[in-house]
Amino acid sequence: MIKKLKIDFNAPLNKQDTEFQTYGCRANNPDICKNNGINNVCAFEREDCICKMPSKAWKKQYNRLKERQ
């Protein structure tokens, strides 16, 4: 099964999203993300598809998206 791990930054929240992690990758360009490919940090390198180090802008975006729910 192929999982779609590139998630649009403005997509609705996933139940696994928090202020400190995202389900999948919400980076605008994962290829230049400083954490891309880091074992146990990058969504593409984790079994659970969780990004453990989203961008600094994520916390603010998370709160915006949470308000829209």
PDB file of N, CA and C in Angstrom:
ATOM      1  N   MET A   1       0.839  -1.192   0.000  1.00  0.00           N
ATOM      2  CA  MET A   1       0.000   0.000   0.000  1.00  0.00           C
ATOM      3  C   MET A   1       0.878   1.247   0.000  1.00  0.00           C
ATOM      4  N   ILE A   2       0.672   2.126  -0.944  1.00  0.00           N
ATOM      5  CA  ILE A   2       1.421   3.373  -1.024  1.00  0.00           C
ATOM      6  C   ILE A   2       0.648   4.442  -0.265  1.00  0.00           C
ATOM      7  N   LYS A   3       1.338   5.120   0.635  1.00  0.00           N
ATOM      8  CA  LYS A   3       0.699   6.175   1.418  1.00  0.00           C
ATOM      9  C   LYS A   3       1.069   7.528   0.834  1.00  0.00           C
ATOM     10  N   LYS A   4       0.102   8.433   0.791  1.00  0.00           N
ATOM     11  CA  LYS A   4       0.371   9.799   0.349  1.00  0.00           C
ATOM     12  C   LYS A   4       0.876  10.563   1.563  1.00  0.00           C
ATOM     13  N   LEU A   5       2.175  10.800   1.609  1.00  0.00           N
ATOM     14  CA  LEU A   5       2.767  11.432   2.784  1.00  0.00           C
ATOM     15  C   LEU A   5       2.965  12.925   2.637  1.00  0.00           C
ATOM     16  N   LYS A   6       2.943  13.456   1.430  1.00  0.00           N
ATOM     17  CA  LYS A   6       3.057  14.898   1.236  1.00  0.00           C
ATOM     18  C   LYS A   6       1.671  15.486   1.433  1.00  0.00           C
ATOM     19  N   ILE A   7       1.491  16.216   2.529  1.00  0.00           N
ATOM     20  CA  ILE A   7       0.198  16.801   2.885  1.00  0.00           C
ATOM     21  C   ILE A   7       0.287  18.318   2.691  1.00  0.00           C
ATOM     22  N   ASP A   8      -0.698  18.887   2.040  1.00  0.00           N
ATOM     23  CA  ASP A   8      -0.708  20.334   1.832  1.00  0.00           C
ATOM     24  C   ASP A   8      -0.721  21.060   3.183  1.00  0.00           C
ATOM     25  N   PHE A   9       0.054  22.126   3.293  1.00  0.00           N
ATOM     26  CA  PHE A   9       0.177  22.900   4.531  1.00  0.00           C
ATOM     27  C   PHE A   9      -1.179  23.391   5.030  1.00  0.00           C
ATOM     28  N   ASN A  10      -2.109  23.643   4.105  1.00  0.00           N
ATOM     29  CA  ASN A  10      -3.431  24.166   4.462  1.00  0.00           C
ATOM     30  C   ASN A  10      -4.514  23.101   4.550  1.00  0.00           C
ATOM     31  N   ALA A  11      -4.144  21.840   4.380  1.00  0.00           N
ATOM     32  CA  ALA A  11      -5.130  20.756   4.456  1.00  0.00           C
ATOM     33  C   ALA A  11      -5.695  20.668   5.871  1.00  0.00           C
ATOM     34  N   PRO A  12      -6.923  20.188   5.996  1.00  0.00           N
ATOM     35  CA  PRO A  12      -7.503  20.022   7.338  1.00  0.00           C
ATOM     36  C   PRO A  12      -6.613  19.146   8.213  1.00  0.00           C
ATOM     37  N   LEU A  13      -6.749  19.333   9.506  1.00  0.00           N
ATOM     38  CA  LEU A  13      -5.938  18.572  10.450  1.00  0.00           C
ATOM     39  C   LEU A  13      -6.265  17.086  10.386  1.00  0.00           C
ATOM     40  N   ASN A  14      -5.247  16.292  10.608  1.00  0.00           N
ATOM     41  CA  ASN A  14      -5.394  14.857  10.766  1.00  0.00           C
ATOM     42  C   ASN A  14      -5.485  14.580  12.258  1.00  0.00           C
ATOM     43  N   LYS A  15      -6.141  13.520  12.659  1.00  0.00           N
ATOM     44  CA  LYS A  15      -6.293  13.223  14.087  1.00  0.00           C
ATOM     45  C   LYS A  15      -4.948  13.032  14.792  1.00  0.00           C
ATOM     46  N   GLN A  16      -3.884  12.760  14.038  1.00  0.00           N
ATOM     47  CA  GLN A  16      -2.561  12.565  14.636  1.00  0.00           C
ATOM     48  C   GLN A  16      -1.732  13.857  14.677  1.00  0.00           C
ATOM     49  N   ASP A  17      -2.248  14.931  14.115  1.00  0.00           N
ATOM     50  CA  ASP A  17      -1.535  16.208  14.148  1.00  0.00           C
ATOM     51  C   ASP A  17      -1.617  16.819  15.541  1.00  0.00           C
ATOM     52  N   THR A  18      -0.514  17.411  15.969  1.00  0.00           N
ATOM     53  CA  THR A  18      -0.483  18.186  17.206  1.00  0.00           C
ATOM     54  C   THR A  18       0.338  19.434  16.916  1.00  0.00           C
ATOM     55  N   GLU A  19       0.510  20.280  17.903  1.00  0.00           N
ATOM     56  CA  GLU A  19       1.351  21.467  17.723  1.00  0.00           C
ATOM     57  C   GLU A  19       2.805  21.092  17.445  1.00  0.00           C
ATOM     58  N   PHE A  20       3.190  19.872  17.813  1.00  0.00           N
ATOM     59  CA  PHE A  20       4.594  19.473  17.760  1.00  0.00           C
ATOM     60  C   PHE A  20       4.906  18.379  16.753  1.00  0.00           C
ATOM     61  N   GLN A  21       3.904  17.867  16.052  1.00  0.00           N
ATOM     62  CA  GLN A  21       4.123  16.833  15.048  1.00  0.00           C
ATOM     63  C   GLN A  21       3.010  16.878  14.018  1.00  0.00           C
ATOM     64  N   THR A  22       3.275  16.306  12.850  1.00  0.00           N
ATOM     65  CA  THR A  22       2.253  16.213  11.813  1.00  0.00           C
ATOM     66  C   THR A  22       2.194  14.794  11.283  1.00  0.00           C
ATOM     67  N   TYR A  23       0.993  14.390  10.881  1.00  0.00           N
ATOM     68  CA  TYR A  23       0.886  13.141  10.141  1.00  0.00           C
ATOM     69  C   TYR A  23       1.314  13.468   8.723  1.00  0.00           C
ATOM     70  N   GLY A  24       2.265  12.750   8.197  1.00  0.00           N
ATOM     71  CA  GLY A  24       2.790  13.029   6.869  1.00  0.00           C
ATOM     72  C   GLY A  24       3.682  14.260   6.906  1.00  0.00           C
ATOM     73  N   CYS A  25       4.031  14.724   5.738  1.00  0.00           N
ATOM     74  CA  CYS A  25       4.946  15.864   5.610  1.00  0.00           C
ATOM     75  C   CYS A  25       4.183  17.087   5.122  1.00  0.00           C
ATOM     76  N   ARG A  26       4.225  18.149   5.887  1.00  0.00           N
ATOM     77  CA  ARG A  26       3.552  19.393   5.493  1.00  0.00           C
ATOM     78  C   ARG A  26       4.538  20.445   5.009  1.00  0.00           C
ATOM     79  N   ALA A  27       5.772  20.049   4.779  1.00  0.00           N
ATOM     80  CA  ALA A  27       6.763  20.988   4.246  1.00  0.00           C
ATOM     81  C   ALA A  27       6.368  21.377   2.826  1.00  0.00           C
ATOM     82  N   ASN A  28       6.564  22.643   2.477  1.00  0.00           N
ATOM     83  CA  ASN A  28       6.249  23.084   1.116  1.00  0.00           C
ATOM     84  C   ASN A  28       7.098  22.347   0.093  1.00  0.00           C
ATOM     85  N   ASN A  29       8.347  22.072   0.425  1.00  0.00           N
ATOM     86  CA  ASN A  29       9.233  21.326  -0.458  1.00  0.00           C
ATOM     87  C   ASN A  29      10.022  20.331   0.384  1.00  0.00           C
ATOM     88  N   PRO A  30       9.528  19.110   0.522  1.00  0.00           N
ATOM     89  CA  PRO A  30      10.213  18.124   1.360  1.00  0.00           C
ATOM     90  C   PRO A  30      11.668  17.880   0.955  1.00  0.00           C
ATOM     91  N   ASP A  31      11.978  18.068  -0.326  1.00  0.00           N
ATOM     92  CA  ASP A  31      13.339  17.813  -0.794  1.00  0.00           C
ATOM     93  C   ASP A  31      14.374  18.730  -0.159  1.00  0.00           C
ATOM     94  N   ILE A  32      13.959  19.915   0.290  1.00  0.00           N
ATOM     95  CA  ILE A  32      14.932  20.827   0.908  1.00  0.00           C
ATOM     96  C   ILE A  32      14.730  20.972   2.417  1.00  0.00           C
ATOM     97  N   CYS A  33      13.818  20.169   2.976  1.00  0.00           N
ATOM     98  CA  CYS A  33      13.601  20.183   4.425  1.00  0.00           C
ATOM     99  C   CYS A  33      14.872  19.693   5.116  1.00  0.00           C
ATOM    100  N   LYS A  34      15.315  20.412   6.136  1.00  0.00           N
ATOM    101  CA  LYS A  34      16.563  20.038   6.818  1.00  0.00           C
ATOM    102  C   LYS A  34      16.457  18.689   7.527  1.00  0.00           C
ATOM    103  N   ASN A  35      15.232  18.209   7.766  1.00  0.00           N
ATOM    104  CA  ASN A  35      15.042  16.928   8.447  1.00  0.00           C
ATOM    105  C   ASN A  35      14.667  15.791   7.503  1.00  0.00           C
ATOM    106  N   ASN A  36      14.636  16.069   6.205  1.00  0.00           N
ATOM    107  CA  ASN A  36      14.254  15.064   5.225  1.00  0.00           C
ATOM    108  C   ASN A  36      15.188  13.855   5.304  1.00  0.00           C
ATOM    109  N   GLY A  37      14.585  12.706   5.465  1.00  0.00           N
ATOM    110  CA  GLY A  37      15.343  11.463   5.451  1.00  0.00           C
ATOM    111  C   GLY A  37      15.973  11.077   6.777  1.00  0.00           C
ATOM    112  N   ILE A  38      15.806  11.890   7.808  1.00  0.00           N
ATOM    113  CA  ILE A  38      16.402  11.560   9.099  1.00  0.00           C
ATOM    114  C   ILE A  38      15.580  10.457   9.756  1.00  0.00           C
ATOM    115  N   ASN A  39      16.254   9.353  10.050  1.00  0.00           N
ATOM    116  CA  ASN A  39      15.607   8.203  10.662  1.00  0.00           C
ATOM    117  C   ASN A  39      14.924   8.584  11.972  1.00  0.00           C
ATOM    118  N   ASN A  40      13.699   8.133  12.130  1.00  0.00           N
ATOM    119  CA  ASN A  40      12.878   8.339  13.328  1.00  0.00           C
ATOM    120  C   ASN A  40      12.458   9.789  13.551  1.00  0.00           C
ATOM    121  N   VAL A  41      12.678  10.673  12.575  1.00  0.00           N
ATOM    122  CA  VAL A  41      12.249  12.070  12.662  1.00  0.00           C
ATOM    123  C   VAL A  41      11.339  12.412  11.483  1.00  0.00           C
ATOM    124  N   CYS A  42      11.777  12.085  10.298  1.00  0.00           N
ATOM    125  CA  CYS A  42      11.058  12.412   9.057  1.00  0.00           C
ATOM    126  C   CYS A  42       9.883  11.453   8.832  1.00  0.00           C
ATOM    127  N   ALA A  43       8.741  11.973   8.434  1.00  0.00           N
ATOM    128  CA  ALA A  43       7.559  11.150   8.165  1.00  0.00           C
ATOM    129  C   ALA A  43       7.845  10.064   7.131  1.00  0.00           C
ATOM    130  N   PHE A  44       8.709  10.368   6.173  1.00  0.00           N
ATOM    131  CA  PHE A  44       9.036   9.400   5.130  1.00  0.00           C
ATOM    132  C   PHE A  44       9.893   8.250   5.659  1.00  0.00           C
ATOM    133  N   GLU A  45      10.483   8.436   6.837  1.00  0.00           N
ATOM    134  CA  GLU A  45      11.381   7.431   7.420  1.00  0.00           C
ATOM    135  C   GLU A  45      10.814   6.761   8.665  1.00  0.00           C
ATOM    136  N   ARG A  46       9.543   6.994   8.949  1.00  0.00           N
ATOM    137  CA  ARG A  46       8.915   6.411  10.141  1.00  0.00           C
ATOM    138  C   ARG A  46       7.765   5.494   9.737  1.00  0.00           C
ATOM    139  N   GLU A  47       7.602   4.383  10.435  1.00  0.00           N
ATOM    140  CA  GLU A  47       6.499   3.455  10.178  1.00  0.00           C
ATOM    141  C   GLU A  47       5.139   4.126  10.372  1.00  0.00           C
ATOM    142  N   ASP A  48       5.029   5.014  11.373  1.00  0.00           N
ATOM    143  CA  ASP A  48       3.745   5.656  11.674  1.00  0.00           C
ATOM    144  C   ASP A  48       3.488   6.903  10.832  1.00  0.00           C
ATOM    145  N   CYS A  49       4.426   7.262   9.951  1.00  0.00           N
ATOM    146  CA  CYS A  49       4.305   8.402   9.026  1.00  0.00           C
ATOM    147  C   CYS A  49       4.158   9.739   9.744  1.00  0.00           C
ATOM    148  N   ILE A  50       4.715   9.865  10.933  1.00  0.00           N
ATOM    149  CA  ILE A  50       4.653  11.096  11.712  1.00  0.00           C
ATOM    150  C   ILE A  50       5.943  11.886  11.531  1.00  0.00           C
ATOM    151  N   CYS A  51       5.811  13.169  11.221  1.00  0.00           N
ATOM    152  CA  CYS A  51       6.964  14.078  11.188  1.00  0.00           C
ATOM    153  C   CYS A  51       7.134  14.602  12.613  1.00  0.00           C
ATOM    154  N   LYS A  52       8.272  14.321  13.196  1.00  0.00           N
ATOM    155  CA  LYS A  52       8.524  14.730  14.581  1.00  0.00           C
ATOM    156  C   LYS A  52       9.131  16.131  14.687  1.00  0.00           C
ATOM    157  N   MET A  53       9.506  16.737  13.561  1.00  0.00           N
ATOM    158  CA  MET A  53      10.091  18.076  13.585  1.00  0.00           C
ATOM    159  C   MET A  53       9.542  18.928  12.452  1.00  0.00           C
ATOM    160  N   PRO A  54       8.265  19.317  12.540  1.00  0.00           N
ATOM    161  CA  PRO A  54       7.716  20.186  11.487  1.00  0.00           C
ATOM    162  C   PRO A  54       8.350  21.577  11.541  1.00  0.00           C
ATOM    163  N   SER A  55       8.084  22.368  10.549  1.00  0.00           N
ATOM    164  CA  SER A  55       8.662  23.719  10.471  1.00  0.00           C
ATOM    165  C   SER A  55       8.229  24.572  11.655  1.00  0.00           C
ATOM    166  N   LYS A  56       8.957  25.643  11.876  1.00  0.00           N
ATOM    167  CA  LYS A  56       8.621  26.571  12.964  1.00  0.00           C
ATOM    168  C   LYS A  56       7.250  27.203  12.758  1.00  0.00           C
ATOM    169  N   ALA A  57       6.814  27.304  11.523  1.00  0.00           N
ATOM    170  CA  ALA A  57       5.502  27.885  11.207  1.00  0.00           C
ATOM    171  C   ALA A  57       4.352  26.936  11.535  1.00  0.00           C
ATOM    172  N   TRP A  58       4.645  25.683  11.781  1.00  0.00           N
ATOM    173  CA  TRP A  58       3.585  24.702  11.974  1.00  0.00           C
ATOM    174  C   TRP A  58       2.709  24.994  13.189  1.00  0.00           C
ATOM    175  N   LYS A  59       3.284  25.365  14.320  1.00  0.00           N
ATOM    176  CA  LYS A  59       2.495  25.593  15.539  1.00  0.00           C
ATOM    177  C   LYS A  59       1.403  26.642  15.287  1.00  0.00           C
ATOM    178  N   LYS A  60       1.771  27.727  14.625  1.00  0.00           N
ATOM    179  CA  LYS A  60       0.805  28.785  14.306  1.00  0.00           C
ATOM    180  C   LYS A  60      -0.249  28.262  13.325  1.00  0.00           C
ATOM    181  N   GLN A  61       0.194  27.524  12.326  1.00  0.00           N
ATOM    182  CA  GLN A  61      -0.730  26.958  11.340  1.00  0.00           C
ATOM    183  C   GLN A  61      -1.662  25.939  11.995  1.00  0.00           C
ATOM    184  N   TYR A  62      -1.139  25.134  12.882  1.00  0.00           N
ATOM    185  CA  TYR A  62      -1.960  24.152  13.599  1.00  0.00           C
ATOM    186  C   TYR A  62      -3.105  24.857  14.330  1.00  0.00           C
ATOM    187  N   ASN A  63      -2.788  25.933  15.023  1.00  0.00           N
ATOM    188  CA  ASN A  63      -3.818  26.670  15.763  1.00  0.00           C
ATOM    189  C   ASN A  63      -4.857  27.286  14.827  1.00  0.00           C
ATOM    190  N   ARG A  64      -4.420  27.786  13.675  1.00  0.00           N
ATOM    191  CA  ARG A  64      -5.368  28.322  12.678  1.00  0.00           C
ATOM    192  C   ARG A  64      -6.311  27.227  12.189  1.00  0.00           C
ATOM    193  N   LEU A  65      -5.724  26.086  11.847  1.00  0.00           N
ATOM    194  CA  LEU A  65      -6.542  24.982  11.324  1.00  0.00           C
ATOM    195  C   LEU A  65      -7.483  24.444  12.399  1.00  0.00           C
ATOM    196  N   LYS A  66      -7.042  24.427  13.627  1.00  0.00           N
ATOM    197  CA  LYS A  66      -7.879  23.949  14.718  1.00  0.00           C
ATOM    198  C   LYS A  66      -9.093  24.849  14.908  1.00  0.00           C
ATOM    199  N   GLU A  67      -8.911  26.152  14.738  1.00  0.00           N
ATOM    200  CA  GLU A  67     -10.020  27.111  14.859  1.00  0.00           C
ATOM    201  C   GLU A  67     -11.071  26.880  13.777  1.00  0.00           C
ATOM    202  N   ARG A  68     -10.646  26.408  12.612  1.00  0.00           N
ATOM    203  CA  ARG A  68     -11.559  26.192  11.485  1.00  0.00           C
ATOM    204  C   ARG A  68     -12.411  24.939  11.641  1.00  0.00           C
ATOM    205  N   GLN A  69     -12.022  24.052  12.531  1.00  0.00           N
ATOM    206  CA  GLN A  69     -12.761  22.784  12.679  1.00  0.00           C
ATOM    207  C   GLN A  69     -14.115  23.001  13.287  1.00  0.00           C
TER     208      GLN A  69
END
